[in-house]
Amino acid sequence: MTPLAHILALPVRAYRLVFSPWVGFNCRYQPTCSAYALEALEKHGALRGTWLAMRRIGRCHPLGGDGYDPVPDRGDK
């Protein structure tokens, strides 16, 4: 993970530590959005990883989908 990706992962880790137990574990996707964000930052770096995480969070609404949604590999678009 790049240094910038490490910095961007800090709020996600803080969310998982502080807010996630209070909000509950009722995510509509597998892996959860926070796990997806951390994996996207690790695989793709700061810019593309943040973009993928924001797209995923944008799909998480009552009219959105659900199910298994893995982070794409580096070669996939």
PDB file of N, CA and C in Angstrom:
ATOM      1  N   MET A   1       0.849  -1.169   0.000  1.00  0.00           N
ATOM      2  CA  MET A   1       0.000   0.000   0.000  1.00  0.00           C
ATOM      3  C   MET A   1       0.897   1.235   0.000  1.00  0.00           C
ATOM      4  N   THR A   2       0.542   2.192  -0.824  1.00  0.00           N
ATOM      5  CA  THR A   2       1.337   3.414  -0.908  1.00  0.00           C
ATOM      6  C   THR A   2       1.139   4.256   0.357  1.00  0.00           C
ATOM      7  N   PRO A   3       2.065   5.161   0.640  1.00  0.00           N
ATOM      8  CA  PRO A   3       1.906   6.007   1.836  1.00  0.00           C
ATOM      9  C   PRO A   3       0.618   6.833   1.829  1.00  0.00           C
ATOM     10  N   LEU A   4       0.230   7.363   0.682  1.00  0.00           N
ATOM     11  CA  LEU A   4      -1.010   8.125   0.606  1.00  0.00           C
ATOM     12  C   LEU A   4      -2.225   7.221   0.844  1.00  0.00           C
ATOM     13  N   ALA A   5      -2.179   6.003   0.336  1.00  0.00           N
ATOM     14  CA  ALA A   5      -3.269   5.052   0.569  1.00  0.00           C
ATOM     15  C   ALA A   5      -3.367   4.706   2.051  1.00  0.00           C
ATOM     16  N   HIS A   6      -2.230   4.609   2.730  1.00  0.00           N
ATOM     17  CA  HIS A   6      -2.243   4.374   4.184  1.00  0.00           C
ATOM     18  C   HIS A   6      -2.961   5.512   4.916  1.00  0.00           C
ATOM     19  N   ILE A   7      -2.693   6.728   4.500  1.00  0.00           N
ATOM     20  CA  ILE A   7      -3.333   7.887   5.130  1.00  0.00           C
ATOM     21  C   ILE A   7      -4.837   7.875   4.854  1.00  0.00           C
ATOM     22  N   LEU A   8      -5.220   7.552   3.614  1.00  0.00           N
ATOM     23  CA  LEU A   8      -6.634   7.509   3.266  1.00  0.00           C
ATOM     24  C   LEU A   8      -7.369   6.345   3.939  1.00  0.00           C
ATOM     25  N   ALA A   9      -6.639   5.318   4.334  1.00  0.00           N
ATOM     26  CA  ALA A   9      -7.255   4.173   5.007  1.00  0.00           C
ATOM     27  C   ALA A   9      -7.540   4.462   6.483  1.00  0.00           C
ATOM     28  N   LEU A  10      -6.915   5.479   7.052  1.00  0.00           N
ATOM     29  CA  LEU A  10      -7.122   5.784   8.467  1.00  0.00           C
ATOM     30  C   LEU A  10      -8.576   6.090   8.823  1.00  0.00           C
ATOM     31  N   PRO A  11      -9.292   6.929   8.058  1.00  0.00           N
ATOM     32  CA  PRO A  11     -10.705   7.151   8.400  1.00  0.00           C
ATOM     33  C   PRO A  11     -11.557   5.883   8.289  1.00  0.00           C
ATOM     34  N   VAL A  12     -11.235   5.034   7.343  1.00  0.00           N
ATOM     35  CA  VAL A  12     -11.980   3.772   7.197  1.00  0.00           C
ATOM     36  C   VAL A  12     -11.746   2.889   8.417  1.00  0.00           C
ATOM     37  N   ARG A  13     -10.501   2.806   8.846  1.00  0.00           N
ATOM     38  CA  ARG A  13     -10.199   2.003  10.037  1.00  0.00           C
ATOM     39  C   ARG A  13     -10.844   2.601  11.281  1.00  0.00           C
ATOM     40  N   ALA A  14     -10.877   3.922  11.373  1.00  0.00           N
ATOM     41  CA  ALA A  14     -11.532   4.578  12.510  1.00  0.00           C
ATOM     42  C   ALA A  14     -13.028   4.287  12.495  1.00  0.00           C
ATOM     43  N   TYR A  15     -13.651   4.326  11.328  1.00  0.00           N
ATOM     44  CA  TYR A  15     -15.065   3.985  11.212  1.00  0.00           C
ATOM     45  C   TYR A  15     -15.320   2.561  11.696  1.00  0.00           C
ATOM     46  N   ARG A  16     -14.469   1.631  11.241  1.00  0.00           N
ATOM     47  CA  ARG A  16     -14.657   0.227  11.638  1.00  0.00           C
ATOM     48  C   ARG A  16     -14.484   0.043  13.137  1.00  0.00           C
ATOM     49  N   LEU A  17     -13.622   0.810  13.738  1.00  0.00           N
ATOM     50  CA  LEU A  17     -13.355   0.677  15.165  1.00  0.00           C
ATOM     51  C   LEU A  17     -14.424   1.349  16.017  1.00  0.00           C
ATOM     52  N   VAL A  18     -14.846   2.555  15.617  1.00  0.00           N
ATOM     53  CA  VAL A  18     -15.724   3.365  16.464  1.00  0.00           C
ATOM     54  C   VAL A  18     -17.201   3.222  16.084  1.00  0.00           C
ATOM     55  N   PHE A  19     -17.534   3.455  14.821  1.00  0.00           N
ATOM     56  CA  PHE A  19     -18.937   3.562  14.435  1.00  0.00           C
ATOM     57  C   PHE A  19     -19.579   2.244  14.006  1.00  0.00           C
ATOM     58  N   SER A  20     -18.837   1.376  13.389  1.00  0.00           N
ATOM     59  CA  SER A  20     -19.414   0.144  12.865  1.00  0.00           C
ATOM     60  C   SER A  20     -20.121  -0.697  13.930  1.00  0.00           C
ATOM     61  N   PRO A  21     -19.568  -0.867  15.134  1.00  0.00           N
ATOM     62  CA  PRO A  21     -20.313  -1.630  16.144  1.00  0.00           C
ATOM     63  C   PRO A  21     -21.629  -0.965  16.552  1.00  0.00           C
ATOM     64  N   TRP A  22     -21.723   0.354  16.492  1.00  0.00           N
ATOM     65  CA  TRP A  22     -22.942   1.067  16.868  1.00  0.00           C
ATOM     66  C   TRP A  22     -23.986   1.013  15.765  1.00  0.00           C
ATOM     67  N   VAL A  23     -23.534   1.085  14.522  1.00  0.00           N
ATOM     68  CA  VAL A  23     -24.446   1.096  13.390  1.00  0.00           C
ATOM     69  C   VAL A  23     -25.050  -0.286  13.169  1.00  0.00           C
ATOM     70  N   GLY A  24     -24.263  -1.307  13.408  1.00  0.00           N
ATOM     71  CA  GLY A  24     -24.739  -2.669  13.183  1.00  0.00           C
ATOM     72  C   GLY A  24     -24.128  -3.256  11.925  1.00  0.00           C
ATOM     73  N   PHE A  25     -24.308  -4.524  11.783  1.00  0.00           N
ATOM     74  CA  PHE A  25     -23.711  -5.245  10.656  1.00  0.00           C
ATOM     75  C   PHE A  25     -24.833  -5.668   9.704  1.00  0.00           C
ATOM     76  N   ASN A  26     -25.360  -4.730   8.966  1.00  0.00           N
ATOM     77  CA  ASN A  26     -26.430  -5.025   8.030  1.00  0.00           C
ATOM     78  C   ASN A  26     -26.094  -4.521   6.634  1.00  0.00           C
ATOM     79  N   CYS A  27     -24.908  -4.802   6.190  1.00  0.00           N
ATOM     80  CA  CYS A  27     -24.467  -4.369   4.870  1.00  0.00           C
ATOM     81  C   CYS A  27     -25.136  -5.238   3.807  1.00  0.00           C
ATOM     82  N   ARG A  28     -25.500  -4.621   2.695  1.00  0.00           N
ATOM     83  CA  ARG A  28     -26.174  -5.357   1.634  1.00  0.00           C
ATOM     84  C   ARG A  28     -25.192  -6.031   0.685  1.00  0.00           C
ATOM     85  N   TYR A  29     -23.934  -5.691   0.783  1.00  0.00           N
ATOM     86  CA  TYR A  29     -22.918  -6.283  -0.090  1.00  0.00           C
ATOM     87  C   TYR A  29     -21.950  -7.139   0.713  1.00  0.00           C
ATOM     88  N   GLN A  30     -21.316  -8.049   0.022  1.00  0.00           N
ATOM     89  CA  GLN A  30     -20.237  -8.849   0.590  1.00  0.00           C
ATOM     90  C   GLN A  30     -19.048  -8.676  -0.332  1.00  0.00           C
ATOM     91  N   PRO A  31     -17.901  -8.226   0.098  1.00  0.00           N
ATOM     92  CA  PRO A  31     -17.512  -7.772   1.422  1.00  0.00           C
ATOM     93  C   PRO A  31     -18.168  -6.436   1.761  1.00  0.00           C
ATOM     94  N   THR A  32     -18.125  -6.093   3.035  1.00  0.00           N
ATOM     95  CA  THR A  32     -18.735  -4.834   3.472  1.00  0.00           C
ATOM     96  C   THR A  32     -18.031  -3.657   2.796  1.00  0.00           C
ATOM     97  N   CYS A  33     -18.670  -2.511   2.819  1.00  0.00           N
ATOM     98  CA  CYS A  33     -18.101  -1.332   2.147  1.00  0.00           C
ATOM     99  C   CYS A  33     -16.758  -0.925   2.740  1.00  0.00           C
ATOM    100  N   SER A  34     -16.608  -1.048   4.060  1.00  0.00           N
ATOM    101  CA  SER A  34     -15.327  -0.669   4.662  1.00  0.00           C
ATOM    102  C   SER A  34     -14.232  -1.666   4.282  1.00  0.00           C
ATOM    103  N   ALA A  35     -14.553  -2.950   4.257  1.00  0.00           N
ATOM    104  CA  ALA A  35     -13.563  -3.948   3.830  1.00  0.00           C
ATOM    105  C   ALA A  35     -13.224  -3.756   2.353  1.00  0.00           C
ATOM    106  N   TYR A  36     -14.226  -3.431   1.550  1.00  0.00           N
ATOM    107  CA  TYR A  36     -14.021  -3.153   0.130  1.00  0.00           C
ATOM    108  C   TYR A  36     -13.077  -1.964  -0.049  1.00  0.00           C
ATOM    109  N   ALA A  37     -13.315  -0.895   0.741  1.00  0.00           N
ATOM    110  CA  ALA A  37     -12.481   0.302   0.623  1.00  0.00           C
ATOM    111  C   ALA A  37     -11.026   0.002   0.973  1.00  0.00           C
ATOM    112  N   LEU A  38     -10.810  -0.746   2.054  1.00  0.00           N
ATOM    113  CA  LEU A  38      -9.436  -1.078   2.441  1.00  0.00           C
ATOM    114  C   LEU A  38      -8.757  -1.940   1.383  1.00  0.00           C
ATOM    115  N   GLU A  39      -9.489  -2.903   0.840  1.00  0.00           N
ATOM    116  CA  GLU A  39      -8.907  -3.765  -0.192  1.00  0.00           C
ATOM    117  C   GLU A  39      -8.641  -2.988  -1.475  1.00  0.00           C
ATOM    118  N   ALA A  40      -9.540  -2.077  -1.836  1.00  0.00           N
ATOM    119  CA  ALA A  40      -9.342  -1.258  -3.039  1.00  0.00           C
ATOM    120  C   ALA A  40      -8.118  -0.358  -2.883  1.00  0.00           C
ATOM    121  N   LEU A  41      -7.955   0.232  -1.717  1.00  0.00           N
ATOM    122  CA  LEU A  41      -6.772   1.067  -1.477  1.00  0.00           C
ATOM    123  C   LEU A  41      -5.492   0.234  -1.526  1.00  0.00           C
ATOM    124  N   GLU A  42      -5.553  -0.971  -1.012  1.00  0.00           N
ATOM    125  CA  GLU A  42      -4.367  -1.833  -1.018  1.00  0.00           C
ATOM    126  C   GLU A  42      -4.020  -2.295  -2.427  1.00  0.00           C
ATOM    127  N   LYS A  43      -5.013  -2.697  -3.206  1.00  0.00           N
ATOM    128  CA  LYS A  43      -4.767  -3.227  -4.550  1.00  0.00           C
ATOM    129  C   LYS A  43      -4.452  -2.142  -5.572  1.00  0.00           C
ATOM    130  N   HIS A  44      -5.161  -1.010  -5.482  1.00  0.00           N
ATOM    131  CA  HIS A  44      -5.109  -0.023  -6.563  1.00  0.00           C
ATOM    132  C   HIS A  44      -4.445   1.288  -6.199  1.00  0.00           C
ATOM    133  N   GLY A  45      -4.083   1.477  -4.941  1.00  0.00           N
ATOM    134  CA  GLY A  45      -3.448   2.724  -4.550  1.00  0.00           C
ATOM    135  C   GLY A  45      -4.477   3.779  -4.176  1.00  0.00           C
ATOM    136  N   ALA A  46      -3.991   4.981  -3.931  1.00  0.00           N
ATOM    137  CA  ALA A  46      -4.820   6.036  -3.356  1.00  0.00           C
ATOM    138  C   ALA A  46      -5.896   6.546  -4.310  1.00  0.00           C
ATOM    139  N   LEU A  47      -5.546   6.903  -5.524  1.00  0.00           N
ATOM    140  CA  LEU A  47      -6.510   7.545  -6.419  1.00  0.00           C
ATOM    141  C   LEU A  47      -7.581   6.582  -6.909  1.00  0.00           C
ATOM    142  N   ARG A  48      -7.168   5.520  -7.565  1.00  0.00           N
ATOM    143  CA  ARG A  48      -8.152   4.562  -8.093  1.00  0.00           C
ATOM    144  C   ARG A  48      -8.868   3.834  -6.964  1.00  0.00           C
ATOM    145  N   GLY A  49      -8.174   3.526  -5.871  1.00  0.00           N
ATOM    146  CA  GLY A  49      -8.814   2.865  -4.737  1.00  0.00           C
ATOM    147  C   GLY A  49      -9.897   3.727  -4.116  1.00  0.00           C
ATOM    148  N   THR A  50      -9.632   5.029  -3.992  1.00  0.00           N
ATOM    149  CA  THR A  50     -10.655   5.943  -3.467  1.00  0.00           C
ATOM    150  C   THR A  50     -11.836   6.032  -4.419  1.00  0.00           C
ATOM    151  N   TRP A  51     -11.563   6.088  -5.714  1.00  0.00           N
ATOM    152  CA  TRP A  51     -12.637   6.140  -6.703  1.00  0.00           C
ATOM    153  C   TRP A  51     -13.511   4.889  -6.612  1.00  0.00           C
ATOM    154  N   LEU A  52     -12.890   3.708  -6.537  1.00  0.00           N
ATOM    155  CA  LEU A  52     -13.657   2.467  -6.437  1.00  0.00           C
ATOM    156  C   LEU A  52     -14.486   2.422  -5.154  1.00  0.00           C
ATOM    157  N   ALA A  53     -13.903   2.867  -4.051  1.00  0.00           N
ATOM    158  CA  ALA A  53     -14.632   2.864  -2.776  1.00  0.00           C
ATOM    159  C   ALA A  53     -15.810   3.828  -2.827  1.00  0.00           C
ATOM    160  N   MET A  54     -15.638   5.001  -3.403  1.00  0.00           N
ATOM    161  CA  MET A  54     -16.731   5.967  -3.491  1.00  0.00           C
ATOM    162  C   MET A  54     -17.843   5.461  -4.409  1.00  0.00           C
ATOM    163  N   ARG A  55     -17.471   4.803  -5.490  1.00  0.00           N
ATOM    164  CA  ARG A  55     -18.484   4.201  -6.370  1.00  0.00           C
ATOM    165  C   ARG A  55     -19.286   3.147  -5.629  1.00  0.00           C
ATOM    166  N   ARG A  56     -18.594   2.334  -4.846  1.00  0.00           N
ATOM    167  CA  ARG A  56     -19.275   1.284  -4.082  1.00  0.00           C
ATOM    168  C   ARG A  56     -20.220   1.875  -3.047  1.00  0.00           C
ATOM    169  N   ILE A  57     -19.790   2.886  -2.320  1.00  0.00           N
ATOM    170  CA  ILE A  57     -20.637   3.532  -1.323  1.00  0.00           C
ATOM    171  C   ILE A  57     -21.834   4.197  -2.010  1.00  0.00           C
ATOM    172  N   GLY A  58     -21.629   4.730  -3.192  1.00  0.00           N
ATOM    173  CA  GLY A  58     -22.722   5.329  -3.951  1.00  0.00           C
ATOM    174  C   GLY A  58     -23.777   4.323  -4.384  1.00  0.00           C
ATOM    175  N   ARG A  59     -23.401   3.065  -4.543  1.00  0.00           N
ATOM    176  CA  ARG A  59     -24.357   2.026  -4.917  1.00  0.00           C
ATOM    177  C   ARG A  59     -25.120   1.481  -3.715  1.00  0.00           C
ATOM    178  N   CYS A  60     -24.715   1.844  -2.518  1.00  0.00           N
ATOM    179  CA  CYS A  60     -25.324   1.300  -1.301  1.00  0.00           C
ATOM    180  C   CYS A  60     -26.502   2.179  -0.881  1.00  0.00           C
ATOM    181  N   HIS A  61     -27.666   1.912  -1.449  1.00  0.00           N
ATOM    182  CA  HIS A  61     -28.898   2.623  -1.114  1.00  0.00           C
ATOM    183  C   HIS A  61     -30.062   1.653  -1.310  1.00  0.00           C
ATOM    184  N   PRO A  62     -31.235   1.993  -0.842  1.00  0.00           N
ATOM    185  CA  PRO A  62     -32.356   1.048  -0.903  1.00  0.00           C
ATOM    186  C   PRO A  62     -32.693   0.539  -2.304  1.00  0.00           C
ATOM    187  N   LEU A  63     -32.470   1.332  -3.329  1.00  0.00           N
ATOM    188  CA  LEU A  63     -32.768   0.887  -4.690  1.00  0.00           C
ATOM    189  C   LEU A  63     -31.565   0.253  -5.374  1.00  0.00           C
ATOM    190  N   GLY A  64     -30.422   0.200  -4.694  1.00  0.00           N
ATOM    191  CA  GLY A  64     -29.213  -0.392  -5.255  1.00  0.00           C
ATOM    192  C   GLY A  64     -29.253  -1.905  -5.186  1.00  0.00           C
ATOM    193  N   GLY A  65     -28.176  -2.519  -5.603  1.00  0.00           N
ATOM    194  CA  GLY A  65     -28.099  -3.964  -5.620  1.00  0.00           C
ATOM    195  C   GLY A  65     -27.664  -4.537  -4.289  1.00  0.00           C
ATOM    196  N   ASP A  66     -27.354  -5.816  -4.328  1.00  0.00           N
ATOM    197  CA  ASP A  66     -26.827  -6.503  -3.157  1.00  0.00           C
ATOM    198  C   ASP A  66     -26.086  -7.741  -3.643  1.00  0.00           C
ATOM    199  N   GLY A  67     -25.454  -8.460  -2.713  1.00  0.00           N
ATOM    200  CA  GLY A  67     -24.764  -9.686  -3.056  1.00  0.00           C
ATOM    201  C   GLY A  67     -23.257  -9.537  -3.030  1.00  0.00           C
ATOM    202  N   TYR A  68     -22.608 -10.466  -3.718  1.00  0.00           N
ATOM    203  CA  TYR A  68     -21.152 -10.512  -3.744  1.00  0.00           C
ATOM    204  C   TYR A  68     -20.632  -9.512  -4.774  1.00  0.00           C
ATOM    205  N   ASP A  69     -19.763  -8.609  -4.345  1.00  0.00           N
ATOM    206  CA  ASP A  69     -19.209  -7.562  -5.201  1.00  0.00           C
ATOM    207  C   ASP A  69     -17.737  -7.372  -4.856  1.00  0.00           C
ATOM    208  N   PRO A  70     -16.849  -8.181  -5.442  1.00  0.00           N
ATOM    209  CA  PRO A  70     -15.429  -8.079  -5.087  1.00  0.00           C
ATOM    210  C   PRO A  70     -14.748  -6.871  -5.729  1.00  0.00           C
ATOM    211  N   VAL A  71     -13.610  -6.518  -5.174  1.00  0.00           N
ATOM    212  CA  VAL A  71     -12.775  -5.464  -5.756  1.00  0.00           C
ATOM    213  C   VAL A  71     -12.185  -6.020  -7.046  1.00  0.00           C
ATOM    214  N   PRO A  72     -12.275  -5.278  -8.160  1.00  0.00           N
ATOM    215  CA  PRO A  72     -11.695  -5.784  -9.406  1.00  0.00           C
ATOM    216  C   PRO A  72     -10.169  -5.870  -9.302  1.00  0.00           C
ATOM    217  N   ASP A  73      -9.623  -6.799 -10.054  1.00  0.00           N
ATOM    218  CA  ASP A  73      -8.162  -6.922 -10.105  1.00  0.00           C
ATOM    219  C   ASP A  73      -7.583  -5.733 -10.857  1.00  0.00           C
ATOM    220  N   ARG A  74      -6.268  -5.580 -10.778  1.00  0.00           N
ATOM    221  CA  ARG A  74      -5.625  -4.414 -11.384  1.00  0.00           C
ATOM    222  C   ARG A  74      -5.833  -4.359 -12.887  1.00  0.00           C
ATOM    223  N   GLY A  75      -5.920  -5.469 -13.567  1.00  0.00           N
ATOM    224  CA  GLY A  75      -6.103  -5.468 -15.020  1.00  0.00           C
ATOM    225  C   GLY A  75      -7.536  -5.221 -15.449  1.00  0.00           C
ATOM    226  N   ASP A  76      -8.508  -5.481 -14.572  1.00  0.00           N
ATOM    227  CA  ASP A  76      -9.920  -5.281 -14.898  1.00  0.00           C
ATOM    228  C   ASP A  76     -10.263  -3.801 -14.862  1.00  0.00           C
ATOM    229  N   LYS A  77     -11.213  -3.396 -15.645  1.00  0.00           N
ATOM    230  CA  LYS A  77     -11.684  -2.000 -15.633  1.00  0.00           C
ATOM    231  C   LYS A  77     -13.118  -1.959 -15.216  1.00  0.00           C
TER     232      LYS A  77
END
